[in-house]
């Protein structure tokens, strides 16, 4: 799945990523293209908090590119147990 978030500002790229993660199965990958510089920090935190794998990150030129693999929401599950 590809998310085209060029020109959108925080928090919209991460909200779009979150919605996409709800639609895909564990192990599937999502490509995110964005131009907002804060997206780099936000994607790192999103993946770390929810336990997804950030497989690739290219931020040297716009649009920035992120390849994220969905994993189980391990950290969220721990919070609610």
Protein backbone atom coordinates (compact mmCIF):
# COMPACT_ATOMS: atom_id res chain seq x y z
CA UNK A 1 0.00 0.00 0.00
CA UNK A 2 1.25 3.49 -0.83
CA UNK A 3 0.43 6.66 1.08
CA UNK A 4 1.01 9.93 -0.76
CA UNK A 5 1.23 12.61 1.95
CA UNK A 6 3.31 15.19 0.10
CA UNK A 7 2.35 18.73 1.08
CA UNK A 8 0.50 17.65 4.21
CA UNK A 9 1.58 18.83 7.64
CA UNK A 10 1.71 17.10 11.00
CA UNK A 11 -0.30 15.23 12.15
CA UNK A 12 -1.94 14.25 8.85
CA UNK A 13 0.83 11.93 7.46
CA UNK A 14 0.86 9.90 10.69
CA UNK A 15 -2.93 9.80 10.84
CA UNK A 16 -2.96 8.43 7.29
CA UNK A 17 -0.31 5.86 8.25
CA UNK A 18 -2.34 4.81 11.29
CA UNK A 19 -5.50 4.34 9.17
CA UNK A 20 -3.53 2.31 6.62
CA UNK A 21 -2.08 0.07 9.35
CA UNK A 22 -5.61 -0.78 10.45
CA UNK A 23 -6.40 -2.03 6.92
CA UNK A 24 -3.37 -4.27 6.30
CA UNK A 25 -2.41 -7.62 7.80
CA UNK A 26 0.61 -8.37 9.93
CA UNK A 27 3.72 -8.68 7.75
CA UNK A 28 2.38 -6.43 4.98
CA UNK A 29 4.30 -3.29 4.07
CA UNK A 30 3.26 0.32 3.62
CA UNK A 31 5.17 2.96 1.67
CA UNK A 32 4.80 6.53 2.96
CA UNK A 33 5.85 9.55 0.90
CA UNK A 34 5.86 12.87 2.76
CA UNK A 35 7.45 16.31 2.68
CA UNK A 36 6.87 17.55 6.24
CA UNK A 37 10.23 17.32 8.08
CA UNK A 38 8.52 16.35 11.36
CA UNK A 39 7.33 13.16 9.67
CA UNK A 40 10.81 11.65 10.14
CA UNK A 41 10.58 11.96 13.91
CA UNK A 42 6.91 10.99 13.98
CA UNK A 43 7.35 7.79 11.94
CA UNK A 44 10.22 6.68 14.19
CA UNK A 45 8.08 7.21 17.30
CA UNK A 46 4.99 5.63 15.72
CA UNK A 47 6.88 2.45 14.84
CA UNK A 48 8.65 2.28 18.18
CA UNK A 49 5.46 2.78 20.21
CA UNK A 50 3.30 0.36 18.22
CA UNK A 51 6.00 -2.23 17.51
CA UNK A 52 6.04 -1.92 13.72
CA UNK A 53 9.27 -2.34 11.72
CA UNK A 54 10.71 0.67 9.96
CA UNK A 55 12.50 -1.15 7.14
CA UNK A 56 13.74 1.82 5.15
CA UNK A 57 13.95 5.57 5.60
CA UNK A 58 15.20 8.01 2.96
CA UNK A 59 15.12 11.65 4.05
CA UNK A 60 17.98 13.21 2.09
CA UNK A 61 15.65 14.50 -0.65
CA UNK A 62 11.94 15.22 -0.91
CA UNK A 63 9.64 13.49 -0.91
CA UNK A 64 10.83 11.59 2.13
CA UNK A 65 10.30 7.84 1.84
CA UNK A 66 9.46 5.36 4.59
CA UNK A 67 8.86 1.62 4.27
CA UNK A 68 7.02 0.22 7.28
CA UNK A 69 6.12 -3.40 7.98
CA UNK A 70 3.10 -4.04 10.15
CA UNK A 71 3.69 -6.12 13.25
CA UNK A 72 1.41 -6.98 16.16
CA UNK A 73 0.75 -4.10 18.52
CA UNK A 74 2.93 -5.65 21.22
CA UNK A 75 3.55 -2.51 23.24
CA UNK A 76 -0.11 -1.50 23.22
CA UNK A 77 -1.13 -5.00 24.32
CA UNK A 78 1.29 -4.76 27.27
CA UNK A 79 -0.29 -1.48 28.39
CA UNK A 80 -3.79 -2.98 28.54
CA UNK A 81 -2.87 -6.30 30.22
